[in-house]
Each structure stands twice: as C-alpha cells, then as structure tokens.
Amino acid sequence: MRLSVIHPLLALTLFFAGSSLPAKAEDHPLGAMLDPHHHSTLIYPPAELEFHRSGTAHVRCVISASGIATDCQSSASQPDFGLAAEQMAYSSTFLPAYQNSVATPGTWEKTYTFHASPDLTTPMLDKAHTPPPHYPEAADAAGISGHITVLCQIDQIGAAHDCIVSDGPPILKRASLAYFSLARYYPALRDGKPVTAQYRGNITWDTTHPVDQQGFH
C-alpha cells in the first residue's frame, strides 16, 4: 500500500491556514441607547409653553447593565427643561452598553431642543395634561375606523365650549366629541393676552393602532 506524502511547505501552509480559522476580531464596545420602543414622552414644561419660551436641555445618565437610568444630570437654559429631560430618562428603558457581548454599565447623553412659537394665534391642546384618546372597545371589537374632526371654542382659561363634530361612525363621533370637549388647552394670545378662539382637532381612528392613534393631532 502506498502512503500519500505531503510536501513540508504545503503542510506548513495548511497549518497556518487552519490555525487562523478560529481567530476573530475583538468585539467593539457598544454604548447605551434609548430603547426606541419602550420610552416615555418628553413633556414640554407647561410653564414654559404657556409663556412660549423655547430652550434646550442636555442630559447625561449612567445606565445600568439592566438598562435602567440610575443617575442623571442635566444642564438647561431653563430649570424646567432640565427636569423634563431627566424625567423622560428616569421613566424610560434603555439598551445597555456591551463589551465583548456582555452587558455592562455605561453612559448615555442627549441634547433636547424645546421650541414654542412666540405667536399663538390658535389654541393648542395641552398634551402634557391630556392623555391620548382611547379607542372605544366596542368600535375596536367591531373593526370600526374613521376620520373625525371636532371644532371647539377655547376660552381664555383653556376650557372648550360649543364643540361640534363632523360626520362619521356614531360611536367614534361621540368618543371624539368627548375627548376634545374634556381636554385642556393653551388659549390663543392677542397682544400677549389670552383670548377666545376656535380649535380644530382631528383623530384618525385606525383599528391597526387601537392604543396609539397615529393620526391624532
């Protein structure tokens, strides 16, 4: 029987080629990130919005290996802007930093810009104190969708009066009318003073988004 003979140079080449297979590049560390699907809403401080003040806030937090903000510090043009940025971070979930595929404590920071128009010619819904509309359970179960418009007169203290609703499925009309009638508003201003003015609200009730109404504004 004849045995195969491997040339020494070829054997050396195979050895180095084979020994390089298990090698891999070292993992690069990944920084902490805000979880895009599980974070709270940044609230515009009502006092700053009422006086149409714009500003910025820079927040820096220590994020634990489990994705929780444990220590946040902020610097802002107005103290309320800093508090809003910290509150958003403390009530949100993060994707932690990773080193060699292992979750580790890290830091996260971001600058937020708050902008309010200096001239408020029409009333504005106070979303900080008015939760999003709730899809009526009966409409959701029946697969009823629709776009509803509501017109209200908003007085000087931000209360709605004399609301009227557009055509649409009756159950969605009532839900939309109730939502905008019971909401809180920032009144329109004229020469820096609050005045009564009309507000136009719209809701696109979409059965594919019964919890988060994407068409709401």
Protein backbone atom coordinates (compact mmCIF):
# COMPACT_ATOMS: atom_id res chain seq x y z
CA MET A 1 0.00 0.00 0.00
CA ARG A 2 1.36 3.40 -0.92
CA LEU A 3 1.11 6.19 1.62
CA SER A 4 0.48 9.76 0.48
CA VAL A 5 3.33 12.15 1.09
CA ILE A 6 2.60 15.79 1.90
CA HIS A 7 5.27 18.24 0.92
CA PRO A 8 6.64 20.04 4.04
CA LEU A 9 5.93 23.50 2.57
CA LEU A 10 2.34 22.55 1.78
CA ALA A 11 1.92 21.12 5.28
CA LEU A 12 3.19 24.36 6.77
CA THR A 13 0.77 26.34 4.66
CA LEU A 14 -2.15 24.17 5.74
CA PHE A 15 -1.13 24.51 9.38
CA PHE A 16 -1.16 28.30 9.30
CA ALA A 17 -4.39 28.38 7.31
CA GLY A 18 -6.08 26.00 9.73
CA SER A 19 -4.81 27.79 12.82
CA SER A 20 -6.23 31.10 11.61
CA LEU A 21 -9.81 29.85 11.31
CA PRO A 22 -10.79 30.12 14.99
CA ALA A 23 -9.43 33.67 15.23
CA LYS A 24 -11.91 36.59 15.14
CA ALA A 25 -11.80 40.33 15.54
CA GLU A 26 -12.29 41.62 19.08
CA ASP A 27 -15.77 42.99 19.70
CA HIS A 28 -16.02 46.78 19.75
CA PRO A 29 -17.85 48.20 22.76
CA LEU A 30 -21.40 49.47 22.16
CA GLY A 31 -22.72 52.45 24.10
CA ALA A 32 -26.05 52.63 25.90
CA MET A 33 -29.02 53.69 23.79
CA LEU A 34 -32.60 54.73 24.45
CA ASP A 35 -34.90 51.83 23.62
CA PRO A 36 -36.90 53.15 20.63
CA HIS A 37 -39.92 51.01 21.54
CA HIS A 38 -40.06 51.49 25.32
CA HIS A 39 -39.51 55.08 26.35
CA SER A 40 -41.70 57.78 27.80
CA THR A 41 -42.70 61.02 26.11
CA LEU A 42 -40.67 64.17 26.59
CA ILE A 43 -43.04 66.69 28.19
CA TYR A 44 -42.80 70.37 27.30
CA PRO A 45 -42.90 72.13 30.70
CA PRO A 46 -46.34 73.78 30.91
CA ALA A 47 -45.00 77.00 32.48
CA GLU A 48 -42.50 77.45 29.63
CA LEU A 49 -45.08 76.57 26.98
CA GLU A 50 -47.61 78.95 28.48
CA PHE A 51 -45.21 81.85 28.01
CA HIS A 52 -43.92 80.48 24.67
CA ARG A 53 -40.36 80.12 25.89
CA SER A 54 -38.00 77.99 23.81
CA GLY A 55 -34.80 76.42 25.07
CA THR A 56 -32.52 73.41 25.32
CA ALA A 57 -31.59 70.74 27.83
CA HIS A 58 -28.59 68.40 27.84
CA VAL A 59 -28.99 65.29 29.97
CA ARG A 60 -26.35 62.70 30.83
CA CYS A 61 -27.23 59.47 32.65
CA VAL A 62 -25.49 56.41 33.99
CA ILE A 63 -27.24 53.35 32.53
CA SER A 64 -27.06 50.08 34.44
CA ALA A 65 -26.36 46.71 32.83
CA SER A 66 -30.10 46.00 33.03
CA GLY A 67 -30.95 49.14 31.02
CA ILE A 68 -32.11 51.48 33.79
CA ALA A 69 -31.07 55.12 34.25
CA THR A 70 -29.53 55.27 37.73
CA ASP A 71 -28.02 58.76 37.84
CA CYS A 72 -28.95 61.68 35.56
CA GLN A 73 -27.50 65.17 35.49
CA SER A 74 -28.72 67.97 33.25
CA SER A 75 -27.84 71.49 32.17
CA ALA A 76 -30.54 73.61 30.56
CA SER A 77 -31.49 77.12 29.50
CA GLN A 78 -34.39 76.93 31.98
CA PRO A 79 -34.52 74.60 35.02
CA ASP A 80 -37.86 73.12 33.90
CA PHE A 81 -36.33 71.96 30.62
CA GLY A 82 -33.67 70.06 32.54
CA LEU A 83 -36.27 68.46 34.80
CA ALA A 84 -38.31 67.39 31.77
CA ALA A 85 -35.27 65.72 30.19
CA GLU A 86 -34.38 63.93 33.44
CA GLN A 87 -37.97 62.77 33.98
CA MET A 88 -38.07 61.31 30.49
CA ALA A 89 -34.82 59.40 31.08
CA TYR A 90 -35.77 58.07 34.52
CA SER A 91 -39.10 56.76 33.22
CA SER A 92 -37.66 55.12 30.09
CA THR A 93 -35.96 51.83 29.27
CA PHE A 94 -32.50 51.68 27.67
CA LEU A 95 -30.45 49.21 25.71
CA PRO A 96 -27.33 48.85 27.90
CA ALA A 97 -23.72 49.18 26.81
CA TYR A 98 -21.98 45.99 25.68
CA GLN A 99 -18.34 44.93 25.94
CA ASN A 100 -17.36 41.62 24.33
CA SER A 101 -21.05 40.68 24.06
CA VAL A 102 -21.62 41.24 27.80
CA ALA A 103 -23.97 43.94 29.12
CA THR A 104 -22.10 46.46 31.25
CA PRO A 105 -22.88 49.80 32.94
CA GLY A 106 -22.39 52.75 30.63
CA THR A 107 -23.41 56.33 29.98
CA TRP A 108 -25.99 57.95 27.72
CA GLU A 109 -26.41 61.61 26.86
CA LYS A 110 -28.57 63.68 24.59
CA THR A 111 -29.46 67.31 23.92
CA TYR A 112 -33.13 68.19 23.52
CA THR A 113 -34.47 71.34 21.89
CA PHE A 114 -37.78 72.79 23.02
CA HIS A 115 -39.39 75.20 20.57
CA ALA A 116 -42.59 77.16 21.05
CA SER A 117 -43.93 79.65 18.58
CA PRO A 118 -43.86 83.18 20.07
CA ASP A 119 -47.24 83.91 18.46
CA LEU A 120 -50.04 81.55 19.42
CA THR A 121 -52.80 82.63 17.05
CA THR A 122 -54.87 79.48 17.65
CA PRO A 123 -55.40 77.43 20.83
CA MET A 124 -53.15 74.44 21.45
CA LEU A 125 -54.03 71.14 23.10
CA ASP A 126 -52.21 70.63 26.40
CA LYS A 127 -50.96 67.09 25.74
CA ALA A 128 -48.95 67.06 28.96
CA HIS A 129 -52.20 67.02 30.94
CA THR A 130 -54.48 65.35 28.41
CA PRO A 131 -53.82 61.66 27.71
CA PRO A 132 -54.15 60.29 24.15
CA PRO A 133 -57.66 59.29 23.04
CA HIS A 134 -58.83 55.81 23.95
CA TYR A 135 -60.25 53.65 21.17
CA PRO A 136 -63.80 52.65 22.18
CA GLU A 137 -63.76 48.94 22.98
CA ALA A 138 -66.95 48.27 21.00
CA ALA A 139 -65.56 50.05 17.93
CA ASP A 140 -62.28 48.20 18.21
CA ALA A 141 -64.03 44.84 18.51
CA ALA A 142 -66.24 45.61 15.51
CA GLY A 143 -63.34 46.91 13.39
CA ILE A 144 -64.86 50.38 13.01
CA SER A 145 -62.46 53.03 11.68
CA GLY A 146 -62.90 56.63 10.62
CA HIS A 147 -61.53 60.17 10.48
CA ILE A 148 -63.30 62.62 12.78
CA THR A 149 -62.92 66.40 13.02
CA VAL A 150 -64.10 68.42 16.03
CA LEU A 151 -64.36 72.21 16.21
CA CYS A 152 -64.41 73.90 19.65
CA GLN A 153 -64.30 77.40 21.03
CA ILE A 154 -61.48 77.64 23.59
CA ASP A 155 -61.87 80.36 26.19
CA GLN A 156 -59.24 82.45 27.96
CA ILE A 157 -58.54 79.81 30.62
CA GLY A 158 -58.19 76.90 28.18
CA ALA A 159 -61.62 75.28 28.52
CA ALA A 160 -63.60 74.03 25.49
CA HIS A 161 -67.12 75.23 24.67
CA ASP A 162 -69.72 74.69 21.93
CA CYS A 163 -67.92 71.76 20.27
CA ILE A 164 -69.34 70.35 17.03
CA VAL A 165 -68.30 67.12 15.32
CA SER A 166 -68.05 66.05 11.67
CA ASP A 167 -69.84 63.09 10.09
CA GLY A 168 -68.63 59.57 10.79
CA PRO A 169 -69.49 56.38 12.68
CA PRO A 170 -71.69 57.42 15.65
CA ILE A 171 -69.55 55.71 18.30
CA LEU A 172 -66.38 57.41 17.02
CA LYS A 173 -68.17 60.76 16.76
CA ARG A 174 -69.17 60.57 20.44
CA ALA A 175 -65.69 59.45 21.51
CA SER A 176 -64.03 62.28 19.56
CA LEU A 177 -66.51 64.87 20.82
CA ALA A 178 -65.97 63.76 24.42
CA TYR A 179 -62.20 63.78 24.04
CA PHE A 180 -61.86 67.32 22.73
CA SER A 181 -64.64 68.69 24.96
CA LEU A 182 -62.93 67.41 28.14
CA ALA A 183 -59.34 68.21 27.14
CA ARG A 184 -57.27 71.10 28.47
CA TYR A 185 -55.85 73.77 26.16
CA TYR A 186 -53.46 76.66 25.99
CA PRO A 187 -55.56 79.62 24.82
CA ALA A 188 -54.73 81.75 21.82
CA LEU A 189 -53.00 85.06 22.50
CA ARG A 190 -53.57 88.52 21.14
CA ASP A 191 -51.09 91.22 22.12
CA GLY A 192 -49.79 88.84 24.75
CA LYS A 193 -53.19 88.31 26.37
CA PRO A 194 -55.36 85.13 26.21
CA VAL A 195 -58.46 85.36 24.02
CA THR A 196 -61.26 83.03 22.94
CA ALA A 197 -60.58 81.35 19.60
CA GLN A 198 -61.52 78.28 17.59
CA TYR A 199 -59.62 74.99 17.81
CA ARG A 200 -59.76 72.29 15.14
CA GLY A 201 -58.99 68.76 16.34
CA ASN A 202 -58.60 65.65 14.22
CA ILE A 203 -58.45 61.96 15.06
CA THR A 204 -57.96 59.17 12.55
CA TRP A 205 -59.27 56.12 14.39
CA ASP A 206 -57.33 53.20 12.94
CA THR A 207 -58.04 49.62 14.03
CA THR A 208 -54.44 48.67 13.29
CA HIS A 209 -53.34 51.09 16.04
CA PRO A 210 -56.08 50.92 18.69
CA VAL A 211 -53.77 52.04 21.51
CA ASP A 212 -51.50 54.56 19.76
CA GLN A 213 -53.66 56.64 17.43
CA GLN A 214 -51.14 57.59 14.76
CA GLY A 215 -53.50 60.08 13.10
CA PHE A 216 -54.22 62.05 16.26
CA HIS A 217 -53.16 65.71 16.36
